[in-house]
C-alpha atoms as a PDB file:
ATOM      1  CA  MET A   1     -51.295 -76.661  19.930  1.00  0.00           C
ATOM      2  CA  PHE A   2     -51.913 -80.448  19.977  1.00  0.00           C
ATOM      3  CA  ILE A   3     -49.488 -80.982  17.006  1.00  0.00           C
ATOM      4  CA  LEU A   4     -46.818 -78.931  18.745  1.00  0.00           C
ATOM      5  CA  ASN A   5     -47.107 -80.984  21.825  1.00  0.00           C
ATOM      6  CA  LEU A   6     -47.086 -84.330  19.820  1.00  0.00           C
ATOM      7  CA  ILE A   7     -43.924 -83.098  18.073  1.00  0.00           C
ATOM      8  CA  GLU A   8     -42.204 -82.244  21.465  1.00  0.00           C
ATOM      9  CA  GLU A   9     -43.213 -85.697  22.925  1.00  0.00           C
ATOM     10  CA  ILE A  10     -41.613 -87.355  19.819  1.00  0.00           C
ATOM     11  CA  LYS A  11     -38.520 -85.272  20.435  1.00  0.00           C
ATOM     12  CA  TRP A  12     -38.435 -86.591  23.963  1.00  0.00           C
ATOM     13  CA  LEU A  13     -38.717 -90.308  22.791  1.00  0.00           C
ATOM     14  CA  ILE A  14     -35.776 -89.671  20.418  1.00  0.00           C
ATOM     15  CA  ILE A  15     -33.497 -88.156  22.869  1.00  0.00           C
ATOM     16  CA  ASN A  16     -34.407 -90.733  25.575  1.00  0.00           C
ATOM     17  CA  LYS A  17     -31.470 -92.789  24.615  1.00  0.00           C
ATOM     18  CA  LYS A  18     -28.934 -89.846  24.878  1.00  0.00           C
ATOM     19  CA  SER A  19     -30.513 -88.778  28.179  1.00  0.00           C
ATOM     20  CA  LYS A  20     -29.439 -92.073  29.841  1.00  0.00           C
ATOM     21  CA  ASN A  21     -25.880 -90.993  29.438  1.00  0.00           C
ATOM     22  CA  ILE A  22     -26.337 -87.762  31.324  1.00  0.00           C
ATOM     23  CA  LYS A  23     -24.182 -87.304  34.451  1.00  0.00           C
ATOM     24  CA  LEU A  24     -24.033 -83.592  34.547  1.00  0.00           C
ATOM     25  CA  ILE A  25     -26.798 -81.037  34.230  1.00  0.00           C
ATOM     26  CA  ILE A  26     -25.921 -77.391  34.117  1.00  0.00           C
ATOM     27  CA  LEU A  27     -28.555 -74.879  34.904  1.00  0.00           C
ATOM     28  CA  ASP A  28     -29.106 -71.280  34.096  1.00  0.00           C
ATOM     29  CA  VAL A  29     -30.908 -69.268  36.764  1.00  0.00           C
ATOM     30  CA  ASP A  30     -32.926 -66.439  35.522  1.00  0.00           C
ATOM     31  CA  GLY A  31     -35.636 -67.824  33.316  1.00  0.00           C
ATOM     32  CA  VAL A  32     -34.801 -71.454  34.367  1.00  0.00           C
ATOM     33  CA  MET A  33     -34.582 -71.731  38.201  1.00  0.00           C
ATOM     34  CA  THR A  34     -36.808 -68.499  38.313  1.00  0.00           C
ATOM     35  CA  ASP A  35     -39.501 -66.983  36.232  1.00  0.00           C
ATOM     36  CA  GLY A  36     -37.000 -64.504  34.854  1.00  0.00           C
ATOM     37  CA  TYR A  37     -38.400 -61.439  36.646  1.00  0.00           C
ATOM     38  CA  LEU A  38     -36.280 -59.427  38.997  1.00  0.00           C
ATOM     39  CA  LEU A  39     -37.650 -57.931  42.038  1.00  0.00           C
ATOM     40  CA  TYR A  40     -36.023 -55.171  44.138  1.00  0.00           C
ATOM     41  CA  ASP A  41     -36.878 -53.956  47.712  1.00  0.00           C
ATOM     42  CA  TYR A  42     -36.788 -50.313  48.647  1.00  0.00           C
ATOM     43  CA  GLN A  43     -33.111 -50.665  49.528  1.00  0.00           C
ATOM     44  CA  GLY A  44     -32.091 -51.929  46.129  1.00  0.00           C
ATOM     45  CA  ASN A  45     -31.662 -55.637  47.227  1.00  0.00           C
ATOM     46  CA  GLN A  46     -32.560 -58.047  44.530  1.00  0.00           C
ATOM     47  CA  LEU A  47     -35.007 -60.713  45.164  1.00  0.00           C
ATOM     48  CA  LYS A  48     -35.774 -63.845  43.025  1.00  0.00           C
ATOM     49  CA  ARG A  49     -38.547 -66.421  43.446  1.00  0.00           C
ATOM     50  CA  PHE A  50     -37.637 -70.142  43.292  1.00  0.00           C
ATOM     51  CA  SER A  51     -39.981 -73.114  43.103  1.00  0.00           C
ATOM     52  CA  VAL A  52     -39.863 -75.646  45.830  1.00  0.00           C
ATOM     53  CA  LYS A  53     -40.927 -78.351  43.321  1.00  0.00           C
ATOM     54  CA  ASP A  54     -37.862 -77.555  41.223  1.00  0.00           C
ATOM     55  CA  GLY A  55     -35.692 -77.950  44.362  1.00  0.00           C
ATOM     56  CA  LEU A  56     -37.122 -81.381  44.942  1.00  0.00           C
ATOM     57  CA  GLY A  57     -36.488 -82.165  41.320  1.00  0.00           C
ATOM     58  CA  ILE A  58     -32.884 -81.125  41.892  1.00  0.00           C
ATOM     59  CA  ARG A  59     -32.688 -83.418  45.043  1.00  0.00           C
ATOM     60  CA  TYR A  60     -34.026 -86.282  42.846  1.00  0.00           C
ATOM     61  CA  LEU A  61     -31.387 -85.828  40.280  1.00  0.00           C
ATOM     62  CA  GLN A  62     -28.720 -85.668  43.042  1.00  0.00           C
ATOM     63  CA  LYS A  63     -29.954 -88.854  44.669  1.00  0.00           C
ATOM     64  CA  ALA A  64     -29.906 -90.508  41.286  1.00  0.00           C
ATOM     65  CA  GLY A  65     -26.248 -89.781  41.060  1.00  0.00           C
ATOM     66  CA  ILE A  66     -26.464 -86.725  38.669  1.00  0.00           C
ATOM     67  CA  GLU A  67     -24.114 -83.850  39.320  1.00  0.00           C
ATOM     68  CA  ILE A  68     -25.752 -80.413  39.257  1.00  0.00           C
ATOM     69  CA  ALA A  69     -24.070 -77.015  38.474  1.00  0.00           C
ATOM     70  CA  ILE A  70     -25.212 -73.577  38.098  1.00  0.00           C
ATOM     71  CA  VAL A  71     -23.783 -71.101  35.452  1.00  0.00           C
ATOM     72  CA  SER A  72     -25.432 -67.803  35.407  1.00  0.00           C
ATOM     73  CA  GLY A  73     -24.942 -64.203  34.519  1.00  0.00           C
ATOM     74  CA  GLY A  74     -27.011 -63.168  37.664  1.00  0.00           C
ATOM     75  CA  LYS A  75     -25.716 -61.706  40.865  1.00  0.00           C
ATOM     76  CA  GLU A  76     -24.152 -64.149  43.320  1.00  0.00           C
ATOM     77  CA  GLU A  77     -25.659 -63.202  46.626  1.00  0.00           C
ATOM     78  CA  VAL A  78     -29.259 -64.346  45.659  1.00  0.00           C
ATOM     79  CA  ILE A  79     -28.146 -67.446  43.811  1.00  0.00           C
ATOM     80  CA  ALA A  80     -25.621 -68.484  46.460  1.00  0.00           C
ATOM     81  CA  ASN A  81     -28.334 -68.715  49.014  1.00  0.00           C
ATOM     82  CA  ARG A  82     -30.606 -71.000  46.930  1.00  0.00           C
ATOM     83  CA  ALA A  83     -27.476 -73.122  45.925  1.00  0.00           C
ATOM     84  CA  LYS A  84     -26.583 -73.532  49.538  1.00  0.00           C
ATOM     85  CA  ASP A  85     -30.140 -74.791  50.352  1.00  0.00           C
ATOM     86  CA  LEU A  86     -29.811 -77.392  47.663  1.00  0.00           C
ATOM     87  CA  ASP A  87     -26.171 -78.491  48.557  1.00  0.00           C
ATOM     88  CA  LEU A  88     -24.968 -77.349  45.182  1.00  0.00           C
ATOM     89  CA  LYS A  89     -21.180 -77.331  45.020  1.00  0.00           C
ATOM     90  CA  TYR A  90     -20.584 -75.880  41.650  1.00  0.00           C
ATOM     91  CA  VAL A  91     -22.035 -72.353  41.297  1.00  0.00           C
ATOM     92  CA  TYR A  92     -20.743 -69.813  38.873  1.00  0.00           C
ATOM     93  CA  CYS A  93     -22.400 -66.421  38.816  1.00  0.00           C
ATOM     94  CA  GLY A  94     -21.822 -63.121  37.034  1.00  0.00           C
ATOM     95  CA  ILE A  95     -20.560 -65.118  34.113  1.00  0.00           C
ATOM     96  CA  LYS A  96     -20.399 -63.488  30.754  1.00  0.00           C
ATOM     97  CA  ASN A  97     -18.758 -66.422  28.837  1.00  0.00           C
ATOM     98  CA  LYS A  98     -20.765 -69.595  29.742  1.00  0.00           C
ATOM     99  CA  ASN A  99     -18.910 -71.574  27.138  1.00  0.00           C
ATOM    100  CA  LYS A 100     -15.700 -71.181  28.959  1.00  0.00           C
ATOM    101  CA  ILE A 101     -17.121 -72.135  32.449  1.00  0.00           C
ATOM    102  CA  VAL A 102     -18.907 -75.187  30.981  1.00  0.00           C
ATOM    103  CA  LYS A 103     -15.475 -76.446  29.655  1.00  0.00           C
ATOM    104  CA  ILE A 104     -13.939 -75.756  33.101  1.00  0.00           C
ATOM    105  CA  ILE A 105     -16.733 -77.733  34.886  1.00  0.00           C
ATOM    106  CA  GLN A 106     -16.490 -80.744  32.512  1.00  0.00           C
ATOM    107  CA  LYS A 107     -12.756 -80.867  32.802  1.00  0.00           C
ATOM    108  CA  ASN A 108     -12.854 -80.664  36.616  1.00  0.00           C
ATOM    109  CA  LEU A 109     -15.519 -83.229  36.992  1.00  0.00           C
ATOM    110  CA  ASN A 110     -14.178 -85.385  34.194  1.00  0.00           C
ATOM    111  CA  PHE A 111     -17.398 -85.422  32.300  1.00  0.00           C
ATOM    112  CA  SER A 112     -17.659 -85.488  28.473  1.00  0.00           C
ATOM    113  CA  LYS A 113     -20.032 -83.578  26.056  1.00  0.00           C
ATOM    114  CA  LYS A 114     -21.958 -86.921  25.861  1.00  0.00           C
ATOM    115  CA  GLU A 115     -22.680 -86.827  29.571  1.00  0.00           C
ATOM    116  CA  THR A 116     -23.694 -83.217  29.828  1.00  0.00           C
ATOM    117  CA  LEU A 117     -27.038 -81.516  29.577  1.00  0.00           C
ATOM    118  CA  PHE A 118     -27.677 -77.761  29.675  1.00  0.00           C
ATOM    119  CA  LEU A 119     -31.030 -76.157  30.644  1.00  0.00           C
ATOM    120  CA  GLY A 120     -31.163 -72.657  29.473  1.00  0.00           C
ATOM    121  CA  ASP A 121     -33.727 -70.113  28.108  1.00  0.00           C
ATOM    122  CA  ASP A 122     -32.095 -67.453  25.978  1.00  0.00           C
ATOM    123  CA  LEU A 123     -29.669 -66.670  23.229  1.00  0.00           C
ATOM    124  CA  ASN A 124     -26.793 -66.144  25.715  1.00  0.00           C
ATOM    125  CA  ASP A 125     -27.123 -69.938  26.551  1.00  0.00           C
ATOM    126  CA  LEU A 126     -26.592 -70.957  22.856  1.00  0.00           C
ATOM    127  CA  THR A 127     -22.817 -70.605  23.329  1.00  0.00           C
ATOM    128  CA  VAL A 128     -22.649 -73.947  25.065  1.00  0.00           C
ATOM    129  CA  ARG A 129     -24.492 -75.774  22.280  1.00  0.00           C
ATOM    130  CA  ASN A 130     -21.449 -77.515  20.979  1.00  0.00           C
ATOM    131  CA  LEU A 131     -20.302 -78.506  24.457  1.00  0.00           C
ATOM    132  CA  VAL A 132     -23.350 -80.504  25.541  1.00  0.00           C
ATOM    133  CA  SER A 133     -25.203 -83.538  24.410  1.00  0.00           C
ATOM    134  CA  LEU A 134     -28.675 -82.126  25.159  1.00  0.00           C
ATOM    135  CA  LEU A 135     -29.757 -78.533  25.096  1.00  0.00           C
ATOM    136  CA  ILE A 136     -33.128 -78.211  26.704  1.00  0.00           C
ATOM    137  CA  ALA A 137     -35.491 -75.129  27.161  1.00  0.00           C
ATOM    138  CA  PRO A 138     -38.429 -74.355  29.425  1.00  0.00           C
ATOM    139  CA  SER A 139     -41.666 -73.629  27.564  1.00  0.00           C
ATOM    140  CA  ASP A 140     -41.371 -69.788  27.844  1.00  0.00           C
ATOM    141  CA  ALA A 141     -37.712 -69.671  26.627  1.00  0.00           C
ATOM    142  CA  SER A 142     -36.950 -67.179  23.797  1.00  0.00           C
ATOM    143  CA  ILE A 143     -38.067 -68.275  20.385  1.00  0.00           C
ATOM    144  CA  GLY A 144     -34.540 -68.217  18.923  1.00  0.00           C
ATOM    145  CA  PHE A 145     -33.200 -70.457  21.812  1.00  0.00           C
ATOM    146  CA  LYS A 146     -36.120 -73.010  21.378  1.00  0.00           C
ATOM    147  CA  LYS A 147     -35.484 -73.379  17.735  1.00  0.00           C
ATOM    148  CA  LYS A 148     -31.808 -74.674  18.533  1.00  0.00           C
ATOM    149  CA  CYS A 149     -32.777 -76.938  21.349  1.00  0.00           C
ATOM    150  CA  ASN A 150     -33.027 -80.591  21.467  1.00  0.00           C
ATOM    151  CA  ALA A 151     -36.435 -80.418  23.293  1.00  0.00           C
ATOM    152  CA  ILE A 152     -38.709 -78.035  25.074  1.00  0.00           C
ATOM    153  CA  LEU A 153     -40.273 -78.797  28.337  1.00  0.00           C
ATOM    154  CA  LYS A 154     -43.957 -78.038  28.989  1.00  0.00           C
ATOM    155  CA  SER A 155     -43.251 -76.106  32.065  1.00  0.00           C
ATOM    156  CA  ASN A 156     -42.168 -72.407  32.249  1.00  0.00           C
ATOM    157  CA  GLY A 157     -38.852 -71.401  33.932  1.00  0.00           C
ATOM    158  CA  GLY A 158     -39.332 -71.023  37.752  1.00  0.00           C
ATOM    159  CA  GLN A 159     -42.575 -72.990  37.413  1.00  0.00           C
ATOM    160  CA  ASN A 160     -41.378 -76.590  37.880  1.00  0.00           C
ATOM    161  CA  ALA A 161     -39.353 -77.016  34.613  1.00  0.00           C
ATOM    162  CA  ILE A 162     -36.489 -78.558  36.512  1.00  0.00           C
ATOM    163  CA  ARG A 163     -38.918 -80.917  38.217  1.00  0.00           C
ATOM    164  CA  GLU A 164     -40.359 -81.837  34.839  1.00  0.00           C
ATOM    165  CA  LEU A 165     -36.805 -82.459  33.517  1.00  0.00           C
ATOM    166  CA  ALA A 166     -35.992 -84.518  36.417  1.00  0.00           C
ATOM    167  CA  GLU A 167     -39.096 -86.726  36.082  1.00  0.00           C
ATOM    168  CA  ARG A 168     -38.439 -87.089  32.259  1.00  0.00           C
ATOM    169  CA  LEU A 169     -34.781 -88.063  32.780  1.00  0.00           C
ATOM    170  CA  LEU A 170     -35.533 -90.542  35.604  1.00  0.00           C
ATOM    171  CA  LYS A 171     -38.704 -91.922  34.028  1.00  0.00           C
ATOM    172  CA  ASN A 172     -38.791 -95.797  34.164  1.00  0.00           C
ATOM    173  CA  THR A 173     -35.949 -95.911  36.550  1.00  0.00           C
ATOM    174  CA  ARG A 174     -35.912 -97.806  39.699  1.00  0.00           C
ATOM    175  CA  PHE A 175     -35.428 -94.587  41.656  1.00  0.00           C
ATOM    176  CA  ILE A 176     -38.671 -93.058  40.384  1.00  0.00           C
ATOM    177  CA  ARG A 177     -40.541 -96.328  40.776  1.00  0.00           C
ATOM    178  CA  ASP A 178     -39.373 -96.484  44.454  1.00  0.00           C
ATOM    179  CA  ILE A 179     -40.236 -93.010  45.428  1.00  0.00           C
ATOM    180  CA  SER A 180     -43.573 -93.175  43.575  1.00  0.00           C
ATOM    181  CA  LYS A 181     -44.406 -96.211  45.798  1.00  0.00           C
ATOM    182  CA  ASP A 182     -42.835 -95.245  48.989  1.00  0.00           C
ATOM    183  CA  GLY A 183     -42.198 -91.453  48.918  1.00  0.00           C
ATOM    184  CA  PHE A 184     -39.018 -89.527  48.908  1.00  0.00           C
ATOM    185  CA  PHE A 185     -36.780 -89.679  52.077  1.00  0.00           C
ATOM    186  CA  GLU A 186     -33.870 -87.430  52.534  1.00  0.00           C
ATOM    187  CA  ILE A 187     -31.341 -88.754  55.066  1.00  0.00           C
ATOM    188  CA  SER A 188     -29.708 -86.077  57.161  1.00  0.00           C
ATOM    189  CA  ASN A 189     -25.822 -86.288  57.617  1.00  0.00           C
END
């Protein structure tokens, strides 16, 4: 286990230079923003559990000027509520062809492959590999997906993986130094 962790940390050091160019992060939902389990109430309504710490990680990224988008095969109703809470403008649900949507987002926002990171967890997310600079996985992603990623987070999906990603990307920035010193303030509009 120690050697695997060491290898992953070395990967993060190597991709650190690439990560400085990131202006767009695209997130999958099930298995990334959530733990990948689906809950249903007695009426058949789908429920998902989201991490508040991941939400704060998204806020960090937004405040640092990084655009966040969601591209998911999941149902829109549940995801739309979480996206609204996080002020996410670019939310695509029920997507079968993630490759096509990533291209559309990049074109509409004028971001290149070099400026794009995708955080996914399974083989259906591999389709975007050639469209992004960095393909990242939570610790509990599928084995096949992890083999194709640039790096793997220590955290599982839905259990602070996005927060970990935010802290890794913003490490050694003035933004992180300031909030580590003074705390994080959100200013209401």
